[in-house]
Amino acid sequence: MGMFVRFVLLTGFLFQFCVVNGQETDSLTTKRINDLWKRNYSDHVATLIDKKKQDTWINQKMLWMHDSLDVGNLEFTEPNIIDIPDLQKVSYKIKSCQNIQMLDSSHVSICVHSAHQDPEIGDVCIGKTSENVYFVNYGHVCGGLINFERMALSIPNDSLDFFNSFVSDTDGHTWLRISVKR
């Protein structure tokens, strides 16, 4: 991103709440910067989600994961373990579709959709256990990637441990169990 654009964005944030004599004002500069933001960057946080289209994608992805996905050919993502005095956590970075190995030798498979691909579907992750139990997470997917973390130094014991205790790292979204519609 160019230096000028960074300056404009920084200036926009600084002018977001102009205060004169204890009163909030809305300067012309603030309005112009807000318009620039809306035109160029609001897609990243837009709420254009079409719930029907999102639900259709979720159901189609679950069906595909059940019938067509060869989980044996998916790459396994390794845990990222951070152990410093003020921070202990385990996280997994997921891109596209990947597996995560559990301590009991089972695995979970996770497939990712980014709002950048289709804003009406939004950011959605579908997770599946080895026993075909499905979960959904609406955490923020950035650049086709999402990290799931637990603020503890323990690898998940099994798939339910993963889905019950790992959240998206940018916004803390939890996994929700969903039923398969057949």
N, C-alpha and C. Protein backbone atom coordinates (compact mmCIF):
# COMPACT_ATOMS: atom_id res chain seq x y z
N MET A 1 0.85 -1.15 0.00
CA MET A 1 0.00 0.00 0.00
C MET A 1 0.91 1.23 0.00
N GLY A 2 0.57 2.19 -0.83
CA GLY A 2 1.40 3.37 -0.95
C GLY A 2 1.41 4.21 0.31
N MET A 3 2.49 4.96 0.46
CA MET A 3 2.67 5.81 1.63
C MET A 3 1.54 6.84 1.73
N PHE A 4 1.10 7.39 0.61
CA PHE A 4 0.02 8.39 0.64
C PHE A 4 -1.28 7.78 1.16
N VAL A 5 -1.60 6.58 0.71
CA VAL A 5 -2.84 5.93 1.15
C VAL A 5 -2.77 5.66 2.64
N ARG A 6 -1.62 5.21 3.14
CA ARG A 6 -1.47 4.99 4.58
C ARG A 6 -1.68 6.28 5.35
N PHE A 7 -1.12 7.38 4.82
CA PHE A 7 -1.29 8.69 5.45
C PHE A 7 -2.76 9.07 5.49
N VAL A 8 -3.45 8.88 4.37
CA VAL A 8 -4.87 9.24 4.30
C VAL A 8 -5.67 8.41 5.30
N LEU A 9 -5.39 7.11 5.38
CA LEU A 9 -6.12 6.26 6.32
C LEU A 9 -5.85 6.66 7.76
N LEU A 10 -4.58 6.92 8.09
CA LEU A 10 -4.23 7.34 9.43
C LEU A 10 -4.91 8.66 9.76
N THR A 11 -4.88 9.59 8.83
CA THR A 11 -5.53 10.88 9.03
C THR A 11 -7.02 10.69 9.26
N GLY A 12 -7.63 9.78 8.51
CA GLY A 12 -9.05 9.50 8.67
C GLY A 12 -9.38 9.01 10.06
N PHE A 13 -8.55 8.12 10.59
CA PHE A 13 -8.80 7.63 11.94
C PHE A 13 -8.60 8.74 12.96
N LEU A 14 -7.62 9.60 12.76
CA LEU A 14 -7.38 10.69 13.69
C LEU A 14 -8.50 11.71 13.67
N PHE A 15 -9.10 11.95 12.50
CA PHE A 15 -10.17 12.93 12.39
C PHE A 15 -11.55 12.33 12.60
N GLN A 16 -11.62 11.04 12.89
CA GLN A 16 -12.91 10.39 13.03
C GLN A 16 -13.79 11.11 14.05
N PHE A 17 -13.22 11.48 15.19
CA PHE A 17 -13.98 12.19 16.21
C PHE A 17 -13.26 13.50 16.52
N CYS A 18 -13.58 14.52 15.80
CA CYS A 18 -13.03 15.84 16.05
C CYS A 18 -13.81 16.47 17.20
N VAL A 19 -13.12 17.04 18.16
CA VAL A 19 -13.77 17.67 19.30
C VAL A 19 -13.31 19.12 19.38
N VAL A 20 -14.28 20.05 19.40
CA VAL A 20 -14.00 21.47 19.54
C VAL A 20 -14.84 21.99 20.69
N ASN A 21 -14.19 22.61 21.68
CA ASN A 21 -14.88 23.15 22.86
C ASN A 21 -15.79 22.09 23.51
N GLY A 22 -15.30 20.85 23.58
CA GLY A 22 -16.05 19.80 24.24
C GLY A 22 -17.19 19.21 23.41
N GLN A 23 -17.39 19.70 22.17
CA GLN A 23 -18.47 19.21 21.32
C GLN A 23 -17.88 18.42 20.16
N GLU A 24 -18.49 17.26 19.84
CA GLU A 24 -18.06 16.51 18.67
C GLU A 24 -18.48 17.25 17.42
N THR A 25 -17.59 17.30 16.44
CA THR A 25 -17.91 17.92 15.17
C THR A 25 -17.71 16.91 14.08
N ASP A 26 -18.24 17.18 12.92
CA ASP A 26 -18.07 16.30 11.78
C ASP A 26 -17.51 17.16 10.65
N SER A 27 -16.21 17.18 10.52
CA SER A 27 -15.58 18.05 9.54
C SER A 27 -15.73 17.51 8.13
N LEU A 28 -15.55 18.37 7.15
CA LEU A 28 -15.58 17.97 5.75
C LEU A 28 -14.49 16.94 5.48
N THR A 29 -13.33 17.12 6.10
CA THR A 29 -12.23 16.17 5.94
C THR A 29 -12.66 14.79 6.43
N THR A 30 -13.32 14.75 7.59
CA THR A 30 -13.78 13.47 8.12
C THR A 30 -14.76 12.81 7.17
N LYS A 31 -15.69 13.58 6.62
CA LYS A 31 -16.66 13.01 5.68
C LYS A 31 -15.97 12.47 4.44
N ARG A 32 -15.00 13.19 3.92
CA ARG A 32 -14.29 12.72 2.72
C ARG A 32 -13.50 11.46 3.00
N ILE A 33 -12.85 11.41 4.15
CA ILE A 33 -12.06 10.23 4.50
C ILE A 33 -12.98 9.04 4.73
N ASN A 34 -14.14 9.26 5.38
CA ASN A 34 -15.10 8.18 5.58
C ASN A 34 -15.62 7.67 4.23
N ASP A 35 -15.87 8.57 3.28
CA ASP A 35 -16.30 8.15 1.95
C ASP A 35 -15.22 7.32 1.27
N LEU A 36 -13.95 7.75 1.40
CA LEU A 36 -12.83 6.99 0.83
C LEU A 36 -12.80 5.60 1.44
N TRP A 37 -12.95 5.51 2.76
CA TRP A 37 -12.96 4.22 3.44
C TRP A 37 -14.07 3.32 2.90
N LYS A 38 -15.28 3.86 2.79
CA LYS A 38 -16.41 3.06 2.32
C LYS A 38 -16.20 2.56 0.89
N ARG A 39 -15.64 3.40 0.04
CA ARG A 39 -15.43 3.01 -1.35
C ARG A 39 -14.34 1.95 -1.50
N ASN A 40 -13.27 2.05 -0.72
CA ASN A 40 -12.09 1.22 -0.96
C ASN A 40 -11.86 0.08 0.03
N TYR A 41 -12.39 0.18 1.24
CA TYR A 41 -12.02 -0.81 2.25
C TYR A 41 -13.19 -1.47 2.95
N SER A 42 -14.39 -0.99 2.73
CA SER A 42 -15.52 -1.54 3.49
C SER A 42 -15.86 -2.97 3.11
N ASP A 43 -15.46 -3.47 1.94
CA ASP A 43 -15.73 -4.86 1.57
C ASP A 43 -15.20 -5.82 2.61
N HIS A 44 -14.09 -5.45 3.25
CA HIS A 44 -13.44 -6.32 4.20
C HIS A 44 -14.32 -6.57 5.43
N VAL A 45 -15.17 -5.60 5.75
CA VAL A 45 -16.00 -5.74 6.93
C VAL A 45 -17.48 -5.60 6.60
N ALA A 46 -17.81 -5.67 5.33
CA ALA A 46 -19.19 -5.46 4.90
C ALA A 46 -20.10 -6.55 5.44
N THR A 47 -21.35 -6.19 5.66
CA THR A 47 -22.33 -7.16 6.12
C THR A 47 -23.36 -7.37 5.03
N LEU A 48 -22.93 -7.84 3.89
CA LEU A 48 -23.80 -8.08 2.75
C LEU A 48 -24.27 -9.52 2.69
N ILE A 49 -24.19 -10.22 3.79
CA ILE A 49 -24.47 -11.66 3.80
C ILE A 49 -25.93 -11.93 3.49
N ASP A 50 -26.13 -12.82 2.52
CA ASP A 50 -27.45 -13.34 2.17
C ASP A 50 -27.57 -14.68 2.89
N LYS A 51 -28.34 -14.71 3.98
CA LYS A 51 -28.41 -15.89 4.84
C LYS A 51 -28.83 -17.14 4.06
N LYS A 52 -29.76 -17.00 3.12
CA LYS A 52 -30.20 -18.15 2.33
C LYS A 52 -29.04 -18.68 1.48
N LYS A 53 -28.29 -17.78 0.85
CA LYS A 53 -27.15 -18.19 0.03
C LYS A 53 -26.06 -18.81 0.90
N GLN A 54 -25.84 -18.24 2.10
CA GLN A 54 -24.85 -18.77 3.02
C GLN A 54 -25.24 -20.17 3.48
N ASP A 55 -26.51 -20.35 3.85
CA ASP A 55 -26.98 -21.66 4.28
C ASP A 55 -26.87 -22.70 3.16
N THR A 56 -27.17 -22.28 1.93
CA THR A 56 -27.04 -23.18 0.78
C THR A 56 -25.58 -23.60 0.62
N TRP A 57 -24.65 -22.65 0.73
CA TRP A 57 -23.22 -22.98 0.62
C TRP A 57 -22.83 -23.96 1.72
N ILE A 58 -23.27 -23.70 2.94
CA ILE A 58 -22.91 -24.58 4.06
C ILE A 58 -23.42 -26.00 3.80
N ASN A 59 -24.67 -26.13 3.38
CA ASN A 59 -25.22 -27.47 3.11
C ASN A 59 -24.52 -28.16 1.96
N GLN A 60 -24.20 -27.42 0.89
CA GLN A 60 -23.48 -28.00 -0.24
C GLN A 60 -22.06 -28.41 0.16
N LYS A 61 -21.39 -27.60 0.98
CA LYS A 61 -20.03 -27.93 1.41
C LYS A 61 -20.03 -29.15 2.32
N MET A 62 -21.02 -29.26 3.20
CA MET A 62 -21.11 -30.46 4.05
C MET A 62 -21.34 -31.70 3.20
N LEU A 63 -22.22 -31.62 2.22
CA LEU A 63 -22.49 -32.74 1.33
C LEU A 63 -21.23 -33.13 0.57
N TRP A 64 -20.52 -32.13 0.06
CA TRP A 64 -19.26 -32.38 -0.67
C TRP A 64 -18.23 -33.02 0.25
N MET A 65 -18.11 -32.50 1.48
CA MET A 65 -17.14 -33.06 2.43
C MET A 65 -17.49 -34.51 2.76
N HIS A 66 -18.76 -34.82 2.84
CA HIS A 66 -19.18 -36.18 3.17
C HIS A 66 -18.99 -37.13 2.00
N ASP A 67 -19.39 -36.71 0.79
CA ASP A 67 -19.42 -37.60 -0.37
C ASP A 67 -18.18 -37.57 -1.25
N SER A 68 -17.51 -36.44 -1.33
CA SER A 68 -16.45 -36.30 -2.34
C SER A 68 -15.06 -35.99 -1.80
N LEU A 69 -14.97 -35.42 -0.62
CA LEU A 69 -13.67 -35.02 -0.09
C LEU A 69 -12.88 -36.24 0.35
N ASP A 70 -11.68 -36.40 -0.19
CA ASP A 70 -10.78 -37.46 0.24
C ASP A 70 -9.88 -36.87 1.32
N VAL A 71 -10.31 -36.99 2.58
CA VAL A 71 -9.57 -36.37 3.68
C VAL A 71 -8.16 -36.93 3.80
N GLY A 72 -7.95 -38.12 3.28
CA GLY A 72 -6.61 -38.72 3.32
C GLY A 72 -5.61 -37.97 2.47
N ASN A 73 -6.09 -37.21 1.50
CA ASN A 73 -5.19 -36.42 0.64
C ASN A 73 -4.98 -34.99 1.12
N LEU A 74 -5.68 -34.61 2.20
CA LEU A 74 -5.51 -33.25 2.71
C LEU A 74 -4.22 -33.11 3.51
N GLU A 75 -3.65 -31.95 3.42
CA GLU A 75 -2.46 -31.63 4.21
C GLU A 75 -2.85 -31.47 5.67
N PHE A 76 -1.99 -31.93 6.57
CA PHE A 76 -2.19 -31.72 8.00
C PHE A 76 -1.48 -30.44 8.39
N THR A 77 -2.18 -29.59 9.13
CA THR A 77 -1.55 -28.38 9.63
C THR A 77 -0.96 -28.67 11.00
N GLU A 78 0.19 -28.11 11.25
CA GLU A 78 0.89 -28.34 12.51
C GLU A 78 0.47 -27.30 13.55
N PRO A 79 0.49 -27.66 14.82
CA PRO A 79 0.16 -26.68 15.85
C PRO A 79 1.27 -25.64 15.98
N ASN A 80 0.87 -24.41 16.22
CA ASN A 80 1.81 -23.34 16.56
C ASN A 80 1.69 -23.16 18.07
N ILE A 81 2.77 -23.46 18.78
CA ILE A 81 2.75 -23.41 20.24
C ILE A 81 3.56 -22.22 20.72
N ILE A 82 2.90 -21.37 21.50
CA ILE A 82 3.57 -20.20 22.07
C ILE A 82 3.58 -20.37 23.58
N ASP A 83 4.78 -20.33 24.16
CA ASP A 83 4.93 -20.49 25.61
C ASP A 83 5.93 -19.45 26.10
N ILE A 84 5.41 -18.28 26.41
CA ILE A 84 6.22 -17.21 26.99
C ILE A 84 5.55 -16.80 28.29
N PRO A 85 6.24 -16.08 29.17
CA PRO A 85 5.68 -15.81 30.50
C PRO A 85 4.24 -15.28 30.52
N ASP A 86 3.88 -14.38 29.64
CA ASP A 86 2.53 -13.81 29.69
C ASP A 86 1.59 -14.35 28.64
N LEU A 87 2.00 -15.37 27.91
CA LEU A 87 1.14 -15.90 26.85
C LEU A 87 1.45 -17.37 26.60
N GLN A 88 0.44 -18.20 26.80
CA GLN A 88 0.54 -19.62 26.49
C GLN A 88 -0.67 -19.96 25.62
N LYS A 89 -0.39 -20.47 24.42
CA LYS A 89 -1.50 -20.84 23.55
C LYS A 89 -1.04 -21.84 22.49
N VAL A 90 -2.03 -22.54 21.96
CA VAL A 90 -1.84 -23.44 20.82
C VAL A 90 -2.78 -22.93 19.74
N SER A 91 -2.27 -22.81 18.51
CA SER A 91 -3.13 -22.36 17.41
C SER A 91 -2.84 -23.17 16.15
N TYR A 92 -3.82 -23.16 15.26
CA TYR A 92 -3.71 -23.85 13.98
C TYR A 92 -4.12 -22.88 12.88
N LYS A 93 -3.29 -22.75 11.86
CA LYS A 93 -3.58 -21.90 10.71
C LYS A 93 -4.18 -22.78 9.62
N ILE A 94 -5.38 -22.42 9.16
CA ILE A 94 -6.10 -23.20 8.15
C ILE A 94 -6.25 -22.38 6.88
N LYS A 95 -5.92 -23.02 5.76
CA LYS A 95 -6.12 -22.40 4.45
C LYS A 95 -6.83 -23.43 3.57
N SER A 96 -7.88 -22.99 2.89
CA SER A 96 -8.64 -23.85 1.97
C SER A 96 -9.26 -25.01 2.75
N CYS A 97 -8.77 -26.22 2.56
CA CYS A 97 -9.21 -27.40 3.32
C CYS A 97 -7.99 -28.10 3.88
N GLN A 98 -7.98 -28.35 5.19
CA GLN A 98 -6.86 -29.01 5.82
C GLN A 98 -7.35 -29.87 6.99
N ASN A 99 -6.48 -30.78 7.41
CA ASN A 99 -6.74 -31.64 8.56
C ASN A 99 -5.94 -31.16 9.76
N ILE A 100 -6.46 -31.49 10.95
CA ILE A 100 -5.73 -31.29 12.20
C ILE A 100 -5.73 -32.62 12.94
N GLN A 101 -4.56 -33.06 13.38
CA GLN A 101 -4.40 -34.32 14.10
C GLN A 101 -4.66 -34.10 15.59
N MET A 102 -5.46 -34.98 16.20
CA MET A 102 -5.75 -34.93 17.63
C MET A 102 -4.83 -35.91 18.37
N LEU A 103 -4.73 -35.75 19.67
CA LEU A 103 -3.88 -36.65 20.47
C LEU A 103 -4.33 -38.10 20.40
N ASP A 104 -5.63 -38.33 20.26
CA ASP A 104 -6.13 -39.71 20.20
C ASP A 104 -6.03 -40.32 18.80
N SER A 105 -5.28 -39.66 17.91
CA SER A 105 -5.04 -40.08 16.52
C SER A 105 -6.21 -39.84 15.59
N SER A 106 -7.33 -39.32 16.09
CA SER A 106 -8.41 -38.92 15.19
C SER A 106 -8.02 -37.58 14.56
N HIS A 107 -8.84 -37.11 13.66
CA HIS A 107 -8.53 -35.82 13.03
C HIS A 107 -9.83 -35.07 12.75
N VAL A 108 -9.68 -33.77 12.54
CA VAL A 108 -10.79 -32.96 12.05
C VAL A 108 -10.36 -32.39 10.71
N SER A 109 -11.33 -32.21 9.83
CA SER A 109 -11.10 -31.60 8.52
C SER A 109 -11.86 -30.28 8.51
N ILE A 110 -11.18 -29.22 8.07
CA ILE A 110 -11.79 -27.90 8.05
C ILE A 110 -11.65 -27.30 6.66
N CYS A 111 -12.76 -26.78 6.12
CA CYS A 111 -12.78 -26.08 4.84
C CYS A 111 -13.23 -24.64 5.08
N VAL A 112 -12.59 -23.72 4.36
CA VAL A 112 -12.74 -22.28 4.60
C VAL A 112 -13.36 -21.58 3.40
N HIS A 113 -14.23 -20.61 3.67
CA HIS A 113 -14.75 -19.70 2.64
C HIS A 113 -14.52 -18.27 3.12
N SER A 114 -13.98 -17.42 2.24
CA SER A 114 -13.73 -16.02 2.57
C SER A 114 -14.77 -15.11 1.94
N ALA A 115 -15.14 -14.07 2.66
CA ALA A 115 -16.06 -13.06 2.12
C ALA A 115 -15.48 -12.40 0.87
N HIS A 116 -14.17 -12.44 0.71
CA HIS A 116 -13.54 -11.88 -0.49
C HIS A 116 -13.92 -12.69 -1.73
N GLN A 117 -14.19 -14.00 -1.56
CA GLN A 117 -14.62 -14.84 -2.68
C GLN A 117 -16.05 -14.50 -3.07
N ASP A 118 -16.91 -14.34 -2.08
CA ASP A 118 -18.32 -14.00 -2.32
C ASP A 118 -18.85 -13.34 -1.04
N PRO A 119 -19.02 -12.00 -1.06
CA PRO A 119 -19.48 -11.30 0.14
C PRO A 119 -20.86 -11.73 0.63
N GLU A 120 -21.69 -12.25 -0.25
CA GLU A 120 -23.03 -12.68 0.17
C GLU A 120 -22.98 -13.97 1.00
N ILE A 121 -21.93 -14.77 0.81
CA ILE A 121 -21.75 -15.97 1.63
C ILE A 121 -21.00 -15.61 2.91
N GLY A 122 -20.04 -14.72 2.81
CA GLY A 122 -19.31 -14.25 3.98
C GLY A 122 -18.18 -15.18 4.38
N ASP A 123 -17.67 -14.95 5.58
CA ASP A 123 -16.61 -15.78 6.15
C ASP A 123 -17.25 -16.95 6.87
N VAL A 124 -16.94 -18.16 6.41
CA VAL A 124 -17.54 -19.37 6.97
C VAL A 124 -16.50 -20.48 6.94
N CYS A 125 -16.42 -21.23 8.02
CA CYS A 125 -15.58 -22.43 8.07
C CYS A 125 -16.46 -23.61 8.45
N ILE A 126 -16.28 -24.71 7.75
CA ILE A 126 -17.00 -25.95 8.06
C ILE A 126 -15.97 -26.94 8.58
N GLY A 127 -16.26 -27.52 9.73
CA GLY A 127 -15.39 -28.53 10.32
C GLY A 127 -16.13 -29.84 10.42
N LYS A 128 -15.38 -30.93 10.26
CA LYS A 128 -15.97 -32.27 10.26
C LYS A 128 -15.08 -33.21 11.06
N THR A 129 -15.71 -34.01 11.90
CA THR A 129 -14.96 -35.03 12.65
C THR A 129 -14.81 -36.28 11.78
N SER A 130 -14.02 -37.21 12.24
CA SER A 130 -13.86 -38.50 11.55
C SER A 130 -15.18 -39.27 11.52
N GLU A 131 -16.08 -38.95 12.45
CA GLU A 131 -17.39 -39.63 12.54
C GLU A 131 -18.48 -38.86 11.80
N ASN A 132 -18.10 -37.90 10.96
CA ASN A 132 -19.04 -37.09 10.17
C ASN A 132 -19.99 -36.24 11.01
N VAL A 133 -19.48 -35.68 12.09
CA VAL A 133 -20.21 -34.68 12.86
C VAL A 133 -19.69 -33.33 12.38
N TYR A 134 -20.60 -32.41 12.07
CA TYR A 134 -20.23 -31.15 11.43
C TYR A 134 -20.40 -29.96 12.37
N PHE A 135 -19.51 -28.98 12.18
CA PHE A 135 -19.52 -27.74 12.94
C PHE A 135 -19.31 -26.58 11.98
N VAL A 136 -19.79 -25.39 12.37
CA VAL A 136 -19.60 -24.19 11.56
C VAL A 136 -18.99 -23.10 12.45
N ASN A 137 -18.15 -22.27 11.84
CA ASN A 137 -17.55 -21.14 12.54
C ASN A 137 -17.61 -19.95 11.59
N TYR A 138 -18.04 -18.79 12.11
CA TYR A 138 -18.19 -17.58 11.30
C TYR A 138 -17.08 -16.57 11.60
N GLY A 139 -15.93 -17.04 12.05
CA GLY A 139 -14.81 -16.15 12.35
C GLY A 139 -14.24 -15.52 11.09
N HIS A 140 -13.48 -14.46 11.28
CA HIS A 140 -12.94 -13.69 10.16
C HIS A 140 -11.86 -14.46 9.41
N VAL A 141 -12.08 -14.64 8.12
CA VAL A 141 -11.12 -15.29 7.23
C VAL A 141 -10.42 -14.17 6.47
N CYS A 142 -9.12 -14.07 6.60
CA CYS A 142 -8.37 -12.98 5.96
C CYS A 142 -7.35 -13.57 5.00
N GLY A 143 -7.45 -13.17 3.74
CA GLY A 143 -6.51 -13.68 2.75
C GLY A 143 -6.62 -15.18 2.56
N GLY A 144 -7.83 -15.72 2.79
CA GLY A 144 -8.03 -17.16 2.65
C GLY A 144 -7.53 -17.97 3.82
N LEU A 145 -7.10 -17.29 4.90
CA LEU A 145 -6.55 -17.96 6.08
C LEU A 145 -7.36 -17.63 7.32
N ILE A 146 -7.38 -18.57 8.24
CA ILE A 146 -7.95 -18.33 9.56
C ILE A 146 -7.15 -19.13 10.57
N ASN A 147 -6.98 -18.56 11.75
CA ASN A 147 -6.30 -19.24 12.85
C ASN A 147 -7.31 -19.57 13.93
N PHE A 148 -7.21 -20.79 14.44
CA PHE A 148 -8.03 -21.18 15.59
C PHE A 148 -7.08 -21.42 16.75
N GLU A 149 -7.44 -20.86 17.92
CA GLU A 149 -6.53 -20.91 19.05
C GLU A 149 -7.24 -21.29 20.34
N ARG A 150 -6.41 -21.82 21.25
CA ARG A 150 -6.84 -22.07 22.63
C ARG A 150 -5.76 -21.46 23.51
N MET A 151 -6.19 -20.69 24.50
CA MET A 151 -5.25 -20.02 25.38
C MET A 151 -4.81 -20.97 26.49
N ALA A 152 -4.18 -22.05 26.09
CA ALA A 152 -3.63 -23.05 27.00
C ALA A 152 -2.61 -23.85 26.20
N LEU A 153 -1.71 -24.49 26.91
CA LEU A 153 -0.65 -25.27 26.26
C LEU A 153 -1.05 -26.73 26.10
N SER A 154 -2.17 -26.98 25.47
CA SER A 154 -2.56 -28.38 25.28
C SER A 154 -3.11 -28.60 23.88
N ILE A 155 -2.55 -29.62 23.25
CA ILE A 155 -3.05 -30.09 21.96
C ILE A 155 -4.42 -30.72 22.22
N PRO A 156 -5.38 -30.58 21.31
CA PRO A 156 -6.70 -31.17 21.57
C PRO A 156 -6.64 -32.69 21.71
N ASN A 157 -7.33 -33.20 22.73
CA ASN A 157 -7.36 -34.65 22.97
C ASN A 157 -8.10 -35.38 21.86
N ASP A 158 -9.24 -34.81 21.45
CA ASP A 158 -10.07 -35.43 20.42
C ASP A 158 -10.80 -34.32 19.68
N SER A 159 -11.59 -34.71 18.69
CA SER A 159 -12.25 -33.72 17.85
C SER A 159 -13.22 -32.84 18.64
N LEU A 160 -13.96 -33.41 19.58
CA LEU A 160 -14.89 -32.60 20.37
C LEU A 160 -14.14 -31.61 21.26
N ASP A 161 -12.99 -32.00 21.75
CA ASP A 161 -12.15 -31.08 22.52
C ASP A 161 -11.75 -29.89 21.63
N PHE A 162 -11.38 -30.17 20.39
CA PHE A 162 -11.03 -29.08 19.48
C PHE A 162 -12.21 -28.15 19.26
N PHE A 163 -13.35 -28.70 18.84
CA PHE A 163 -14.50 -27.85 18.50
C PHE A 163 -15.10 -27.13 19.71
N ASN A 164 -14.90 -27.68 20.90
CA ASN A 164 -15.42 -27.03 22.11
C ASN A 164 -14.49 -25.98 22.70
N SER A 165 -13.21 -25.99 22.32
CA SER A 165 -12.29 -25.08 23.01
C SER A 165 -11.44 -24.19 22.12
N PHE A 166 -11.45 -24.38 20.81
CA PHE A 166 -10.67 -23.52 19.92
C PHE A 166 -11.60 -22.51 19.26
N VAL A 167 -11.16 -21.24 19.24
CA VAL A 167 -11.94 -20.14 18.68
C VAL A 167 -11.11 -19.43 17.62
N SER A 168 -11.78 -18.66 16.76
CA SER A 168 -11.05 -17.87 15.76
C SER A 168 -10.25 -16.80 16.49
N ASP A 169 -9.01 -16.61 16.09
CA ASP A 169 -8.13 -15.72 16.86
C ASP A 169 -8.40 -14.24 16.67
N THR A 170 -9.03 -13.83 15.58
CA THR A 170 -9.26 -12.39 15.37
C THR A 170 -10.50 -11.89 16.07
N ASP A 171 -11.51 -12.74 16.25
CA ASP A 171 -12.76 -12.25 16.80
C ASP A 171 -13.41 -13.18 17.82
N GLY A 172 -12.74 -14.28 18.16
CA GLY A 172 -13.22 -15.16 19.23
C GLY A 172 -14.48 -15.95 18.93
N HIS A 173 -14.80 -16.13 17.64
CA HIS A 173 -15.99 -16.90 17.30
C HIS A 173 -15.79 -18.38 17.66
N THR A 174 -16.81 -18.96 18.27
CA THR A 174 -16.77 -20.36 18.66
C THR A 174 -17.38 -21.22 17.55
N TRP A 175 -17.14 -22.52 17.64
CA TRP A 175 -17.72 -23.48 16.72
C TRP A 175 -19.12 -23.84 17.17
N LEU A 176 -20.03 -23.99 16.21
CA LEU A 176 -21.42 -24.39 16.48
C LEU A 176 -21.70 -25.70 15.77
N ARG A 177 -22.25 -26.65 16.50
CA ARG A 177 -22.58 -27.94 15.89
C ARG A 177 -23.79 -27.77 14.97
N ILE A 178 -23.73 -28.39 13.80
CA ILE A 178 -24.84 -28.32 12.85
C ILE A 178 -25.24 -29.72 12.45
N SER A 179 -26.49 -29.86 12.07
CA SER A 179 -26.99 -31.18 11.65
C SER A 179 -26.93 -31.27 10.14
N VAL A 180 -26.75 -32.48 9.66
CA VAL A 180 -26.68 -32.74 8.23
C VAL A 180 -28.10 -32.91 7.73
N LYS A 181 -28.45 -32.16 6.68
CA LYS A 181 -29.78 -32.26 6.08
C LYS A 181 -29.70 -33.16 4.87
N ARG A 182 -30.41 -34.26 4.92
CA ARG A 182 -30.37 -35.24 3.82
C ARG A 182 -31.76 -35.48 3.33
